[in-house]
C-alpha atoms as a PDB file:
ATOM      1  CA  UNK A   1     -70.510  58.342  50.192  1.00  0.00           C
ATOM      2  CA  UNK A   2     -69.741  55.397  49.280  1.00  0.00           C
ATOM      3  CA  UNK A   3     -68.019  53.872  46.500  1.00  0.00           C
ATOM      4  CA  UNK A   4     -69.855  53.082  43.086  1.00  0.00           C
ATOM      5  CA  UNK A   5     -69.313  49.624  41.550  1.00  0.00           C
ATOM      6  CA  UNK A   6     -67.171  49.693  38.550  1.00  0.00           C
ATOM      7  CA  UNK A   7     -67.335  47.875  34.867  1.00  0.00           C
ATOM      8  CA  UNK A   8     -64.435  46.261  33.615  1.00  0.00           C
ATOM      9  CA  UNK A   9     -65.374  44.621  30.765  1.00  0.00           C
ATOM     10  CA  UNK A  10     -68.206  42.199  31.972  1.00  0.00           C
ATOM     11  CA  UNK A  11     -67.093  41.978  35.369  1.00  0.00           C
ATOM     12  CA  UNK A  12     -68.156  44.183  37.853  1.00  0.00           C
ATOM     13  CA  UNK A  13     -65.851  45.314  40.151  1.00  0.00           C
ATOM     14  CA  UNK A  14     -66.189  47.133  43.140  1.00  0.00           C
ATOM     15  CA  UNK A  15     -63.527  49.689  44.667  1.00  0.00           C
ATOM     16  CA  UNK A  16     -63.102  49.263  48.888  1.00  0.00           C
ATOM     17  CA  UNK A  17     -60.098  50.561  51.352  1.00  0.00           C
ATOM     18  CA  UNK A  18     -58.487  47.426  50.749  1.00  0.00           C
ATOM     19  CA  UNK A  19     -59.076  46.870  47.391  1.00  0.00           C
ATOM     20  CA  UNK A  20     -61.130  46.197  44.233  1.00  0.00           C
ATOM     21  CA  UNK A  21     -63.100  43.329  44.308  1.00  0.00           C
ATOM     22  CA  UNK A  22     -65.078  40.955  41.438  1.00  0.00           C
ATOM     23  CA  UNK A  23     -68.455  41.078  43.398  1.00  0.00           C
ATOM     24  CA  UNK A  24     -69.615  38.261  41.489  1.00  0.00           C
ATOM     25  CA  UNK A  25     -66.143  36.292  42.924  1.00  0.00           C
ATOM     26  CA  UNK A  26     -66.513  37.996  46.513  1.00  0.00           C
ATOM     27  CA  UNK A  27     -70.110  36.613  46.637  1.00  0.00           C
ATOM     28  CA  UNK A  28     -69.091  32.930  45.362  1.00  0.00           C
ATOM     29  CA  UNK A  29     -66.444  33.429  47.962  1.00  0.00           C
ATOM     30  CA  UNK A  30     -68.755  33.888  51.025  1.00  0.00           C
ATOM     31  CA  UNK A  31     -71.060  30.733  49.682  1.00  0.00           C
ATOM     32  CA  UNK A  32     -67.768  29.238  49.530  1.00  0.00           C
ATOM     33  CA  UNK A  33     -66.637  30.466  53.175  1.00  0.00           C
ATOM     34  CA  UNK A  34     -70.004  29.234  54.918  1.00  0.00           C
ATOM     35  CA  UNK A  35     -70.194  25.788  53.704  1.00  0.00           C
ATOM     36  CA  UNK A  36     -66.950  25.050  54.781  1.00  0.00           C
ATOM     37  CA  UNK A  37     -67.676  27.307  58.325  1.00  0.00           C
ATOM     38  CA  UNK A  38     -71.054  24.636  58.564  1.00  0.00           C
ATOM     39  CA  UNK A  39     -68.593  21.252  58.031  1.00  0.00           C
ATOM     40  CA  UNK A  40     -66.146  22.474  60.923  1.00  0.00           C
ATOM     41  CA  UNK A  41     -68.855  23.987  63.288  1.00  0.00           C
ATOM     42  CA  UNK A  42     -70.222  19.951  62.883  1.00  0.00           C
ATOM     43  CA  UNK A  43     -67.307  18.629  63.398  1.00  0.00           C
ATOM     44  CA  UNK A  44     -66.696  20.441  66.530  1.00  0.00           C
ATOM     45  CA  UNK A  45     -69.921  19.584  68.028  1.00  0.00           C
ATOM     46  CA  UNK A  46     -69.645  15.986  66.831  1.00  0.00           C
ATOM     47  CA  UNK A  47     -65.526  15.678  68.716  1.00  0.00           C
ATOM     48  CA  UNK A  48     -68.017  17.222  71.838  1.00  0.00           C
ATOM     49  CA  UNK A  49     -70.274  14.936  71.985  1.00  0.00           C
ATOM     50  CA  UNK A  50     -68.406  12.018  71.102  1.00  0.00           C
ATOM     51  CA  UNK A  51     -66.370  13.006  73.921  1.00  0.00           C
ATOM     52  CA  UNK A  52     -69.698  12.876  75.836  1.00  0.00           C
ATOM     53  CA  UNK A  53     -70.520   9.658  75.106  1.00  0.00           C
ATOM     54  CA  UNK A  54     -66.988   8.166  76.705  1.00  0.00           C
ATOM     55  CA  UNK A  55     -65.840  10.800  79.782  1.00  0.00           C
ATOM     56  CA  UNK A  56     -67.693  10.670  82.989  1.00  0.00           C
ATOM     57  CA  UNK A  57     -68.633  13.894  83.839  1.00  0.00           C
ATOM     58  CA  UNK A  58     -68.899  13.368  87.289  1.00  0.00           C
ATOM     59  CA  UNK A  59     -66.285  16.280  88.142  1.00  0.00           C
ATOM     60  CA  UNK A  60     -65.404  19.481  88.048  1.00  0.00           C
ATOM     61  CA  UNK A  61     -61.640  18.976  86.872  1.00  0.00           C
ATOM     62  CA  UNK A  62     -63.179  16.425  84.381  1.00  0.00           C
ATOM     63  CA  UNK A  63     -65.655  18.975  82.884  1.00  0.00           C
ATOM     64  CA  UNK A  64     -62.892  21.633  83.216  1.00  0.00           C
ATOM     65  CA  UNK A  65     -60.056  19.514  81.313  1.00  0.00           C
ATOM     66  CA  UNK A  66     -62.307  18.217  78.623  1.00  0.00           C
ATOM     67  CA  UNK A  67     -63.226  21.895  78.006  1.00  0.00           C
ATOM     68  CA  UNK A  68     -59.453  23.168  77.424  1.00  0.00           C
ATOM     69  CA  UNK A  69     -58.598  19.739  75.413  1.00  0.00           C
ATOM     70  CA  UNK A  70     -61.814  21.470  73.168  1.00  0.00           C
ATOM     71  CA  UNK A  71     -60.788  24.419  72.919  1.00  0.00           C
ATOM     72  CA  UNK A  72     -57.275  23.895  71.645  1.00  0.00           C
ATOM     73  CA  UNK A  73     -58.556  20.684  69.649  1.00  0.00           C
ATOM     74  CA  UNK A  74     -60.838  23.199  67.496  1.00  0.00           C
ATOM     75  CA  UNK A  75     -58.372  25.500  66.896  1.00  0.00           C
ATOM     76  CA  UNK A  76     -57.275  24.631  63.419  1.00  0.00           C
ATOM     77  CA  UNK A  77     -57.943  21.482  61.085  1.00  0.00           C
ATOM     78  CA  UNK A  78     -54.433  19.632  62.573  1.00  0.00           C
ATOM     79  CA  UNK A  79     -56.293  19.536  66.603  1.00  0.00           C
ATOM     80  CA  UNK A  80     -59.142  18.377  65.006  1.00  0.00           C
ATOM     81  CA  UNK A  81     -57.395  15.429  63.235  1.00  0.00           C
ATOM     82  CA  UNK A  82     -54.942  15.062  66.081  1.00  0.00           C
ATOM     83  CA  UNK A  83     -57.521  14.220  68.920  1.00  0.00           C
ATOM     84  CA  UNK A  84     -60.662  12.804  66.699  1.00  0.00           C
ATOM     85  CA  UNK A  85     -57.439  10.452  65.906  1.00  0.00           C
ATOM     86  CA  UNK A  86     -55.305   9.905  69.383  1.00  0.00           C
ATOM     87  CA  UNK A  87     -58.850   9.464  71.353  1.00  0.00           C
ATOM     88  CA  UNK A  88     -61.722   7.641  69.524  1.00  0.00           C
ATOM     89  CA  UNK A  89     -59.429   5.894  66.359  1.00  0.00           C
ATOM     90  CA  UNK A  90     -61.494   7.765  64.160  1.00  0.00           C
ATOM     91  CA  UNK A  91     -58.956   9.052  61.173  1.00  0.00           C
ATOM     92  CA  UNK A  92     -60.176  12.038  59.030  1.00  0.00           C
ATOM     93  CA  UNK A  93     -57.966  11.627  56.298  1.00  0.00           C
ATOM     94  CA  UNK A  94     -57.786   9.905  53.596  1.00  0.00           C
ATOM     95  CA  UNK A  95     -56.552   6.675  55.109  1.00  0.00           C
ATOM     96  CA  UNK A  96     -58.035   3.564  54.299  1.00  0.00           C
ATOM     97  CA  UNK A  97     -60.850   4.132  57.189  1.00  0.00           C
ATOM     98  CA  UNK A  98     -61.339   7.999  56.895  1.00  0.00           C
ATOM     99  CA  UNK A  99     -63.122  10.406  54.590  1.00  0.00           C
ATOM    100  CA  UNK A 100     -62.643   9.411  51.019  1.00  0.00           C
ATOM    101  CA  UNK A 101     -62.502  12.631  49.348  1.00  0.00           C
ATOM    102  CA  UNK A 102     -60.347  14.400  52.399  1.00  0.00           C
ATOM    103  CA  UNK A 103     -57.926  15.322  49.499  1.00  0.00           C
ATOM    104  CA  UNK A 104     -60.996  17.415  47.788  1.00  0.00           C
ATOM    105  CA  UNK A 105     -62.175  18.441  51.820  1.00  0.00           C
ATOM    106  CA  UNK A 106     -58.402  19.929  52.442  1.00  0.00           C
ATOM    107  CA  UNK A 107     -58.582  21.814  49.455  1.00  0.00           C
ATOM    108  CA  UNK A 108     -61.818  23.879  50.467  1.00  0.00           C
ATOM    109  CA  UNK A 109     -60.061  24.322  53.741  1.00  0.00           C
ATOM    110  CA  UNK A 110     -57.395  25.990  51.888  1.00  0.00           C
ATOM    111  CA  UNK A 111     -59.384  28.438  50.066  1.00  0.00           C
ATOM    112  CA  UNK A 112     -61.681  29.181  52.939  1.00  0.00           C
ATOM    113  CA  UNK A 113     -58.092  29.874  54.949  1.00  0.00           C
ATOM    114  CA  UNK A 114     -57.384  32.759  52.014  1.00  0.00           C
ATOM    115  CA  UNK A 115     -61.163  33.424  52.065  1.00  0.00           C
ATOM    116  CA  UNK A 116     -61.068  34.120  56.191  1.00  0.00           C
ATOM    117  CA  UNK A 117     -57.928  35.283  56.843  1.00  0.00           C
ATOM    118  CA  UNK A 118     -56.967  36.817  53.810  1.00  0.00           C
ATOM    119  CA  UNK A 119     -59.839  38.272  52.467  1.00  0.00           C
ATOM    120  CA  UNK A 120     -60.209  36.619  49.569  1.00  0.00           C
ATOM    121  CA  UNK A 121     -56.455  36.636  48.059  1.00  0.00           C
ATOM    122  CA  UNK A 122     -53.490  34.287  50.126  1.00  0.00           C
ATOM    123  CA  UNK A 123     -52.385  34.853  53.324  1.00  0.00           C
ATOM    124  CA  UNK A 124     -48.585  35.114  54.422  1.00  0.00           C
ATOM    125  CA  UNK A 125     -48.488  31.899  54.897  1.00  0.00           C
ATOM    126  CA  UNK A 126     -50.068  30.130  51.804  1.00  0.00           C
ATOM    127  CA  UNK A 127     -47.184  32.556  50.031  1.00  0.00           C
ATOM    128  CA  UNK A 128     -44.484  31.351  51.359  1.00  0.00           C
ATOM    129  CA  UNK A 129     -45.654  27.844  49.360  1.00  0.00           C
ATOM    130  CA  UNK A 130     -47.752  28.969  47.112  1.00  0.00           C
ATOM    131  CA  UNK A 131     -47.606  26.272  44.239  1.00  0.00           C
ATOM    132  CA  UNK A 132     -48.674  23.898  47.798  1.00  0.00           C
ATOM    133  CA  UNK A 133     -51.298  26.144  48.127  1.00  0.00           C
ATOM    134  CA  UNK A 134     -52.494  26.200  44.670  1.00  0.00           C
ATOM    135  CA  UNK A 135     -52.043  22.428  43.972  1.00  0.00           C
ATOM    136  CA  UNK A 136     -54.718  22.204  46.924  1.00  0.00           C
ATOM    137  CA  UNK A 137     -56.987  24.764  45.899  1.00  0.00           C
ATOM    138  CA  UNK A 138     -57.019  23.038  42.692  1.00  0.00           C
ATOM    139  CA  UNK A 139     -58.313  19.781  44.474  1.00  0.00           C
ATOM    140  CA  UNK A 140     -61.565  21.123  44.581  1.00  0.00           C
ATOM    141  CA  UNK A 141     -61.187  23.634  41.247  1.00  0.00           C
ATOM    142  CA  UNK A 142     -60.619  26.867  42.443  1.00  0.00           C
ATOM    143  CA  UNK A 143     -57.712  28.792  40.622  1.00  0.00           C
ATOM    144  CA  UNK A 144     -54.951  31.539  42.022  1.00  0.00           C
ATOM    145  CA  UNK A 145     -54.431  34.257  40.044  1.00  0.00           C
ATOM    146  CA  UNK A 146     -52.341  36.920  40.932  1.00  0.00           C
ATOM    147  CA  UNK A 147     -52.901  35.468  44.345  1.00  0.00           C
ATOM    148  CA  UNK A 148     -56.096  35.912  44.156  1.00  0.00           C
ATOM    149  CA  UNK A 149     -58.500  33.461  44.671  1.00  0.00           C
ATOM    150  CA  UNK A 150     -60.827  32.765  42.059  1.00  0.00           C
ATOM    151  CA  UNK A 151     -64.321  31.128  43.169  1.00  0.00           C
ATOM    152  CA  UNK A 152     -66.762  29.936  40.547  1.00  0.00           C
ATOM    153  CA  UNK A 153     -70.264  28.844  41.001  1.00  0.00           C
ATOM    154  CA  UNK A 154     -69.080  25.157  39.978  1.00  0.00           C
ATOM    155  CA  UNK A 155     -66.678  25.132  42.730  1.00  0.00           C
ATOM    156  CA  UNK A 156     -69.077  26.661  44.998  1.00  0.00           C
ATOM    157  CA  UNK A 157     -71.653  23.308  43.908  1.00  0.00           C
ATOM    158  CA  UNK A 158     -68.637  21.132  44.706  1.00  0.00           C
ATOM    159  CA  UNK A 159     -68.652  22.034  47.647  1.00  0.00           C
ATOM    160  CA  UNK A 160     -71.521  21.878  49.042  1.00  0.00           C
ATOM    161  CA  UNK A 161     -71.624  18.355  47.803  1.00  0.00           C
ATOM    162  CA  UNK A 162     -68.116  17.837  49.501  1.00  0.00           C
ATOM    163  CA  UNK A 163     -69.100  19.241  52.261  1.00  0.00           C
ATOM    164  CA  UNK A 164     -72.526  17.432  52.595  1.00  0.00           C
ATOM    165  CA  UNK A 165     -70.366  13.887  51.999  1.00  0.00           C
ATOM    166  CA  UNK A 166     -68.290  14.936  54.744  1.00  0.00           C
ATOM    167  CA  UNK A 167     -71.026  15.783  57.471  1.00  0.00           C
ATOM    168  CA  UNK A 168     -73.008  12.813  56.886  1.00  0.00           C
ATOM    169  CA  UNK A 169     -69.967  10.290  56.971  1.00  0.00           C
ATOM    170  CA  UNK A 170     -69.009  12.477  60.100  1.00  0.00           C
ATOM    171  CA  UNK A 171     -72.515  11.454  61.677  1.00  0.00           C
ATOM    172  CA  UNK A 172     -72.407   8.140  60.603  1.00  0.00           C
ATOM    173  CA  UNK A 173     -69.624   7.653  62.942  1.00  0.00           C
ATOM    174  CA  UNK A 174     -71.375   9.100  65.918  1.00  0.00           C
END
């Protein structure tokens, strides 16, 4: 028999093996995670497309080297940013030619990391510098309460708008 959700004031909380969670916040976190994941997947596809435009796939060795590079470059956002800049001269960050709302998008990445790797709470790495983490999350309006990421509906809407703007910006660079 699964645990039943319990009402705590006006907040419906659900006990799980990993703790008790606010159901509405968990749902908002899921939507937020999905938005950032879509932008991430598009970024990886765009990087691969840009490489295929400039790297001839005439040999097996070339294809293998490209695949190894893409595996490494798409492990995290620092790798993506580095690969776009070093190989395609494209800055994703807040430089003059980069995505104008990079600081907000970077905040979205920070929130996504807590959701994906900390199940909605700060990861060990994020807890090492909680002020920096809180500052980055606040760029998109997300708060941290007791180590938990609090995502409100307006944060999801803002993330959707920034995510769409980022994808459109990157698409225009292809």
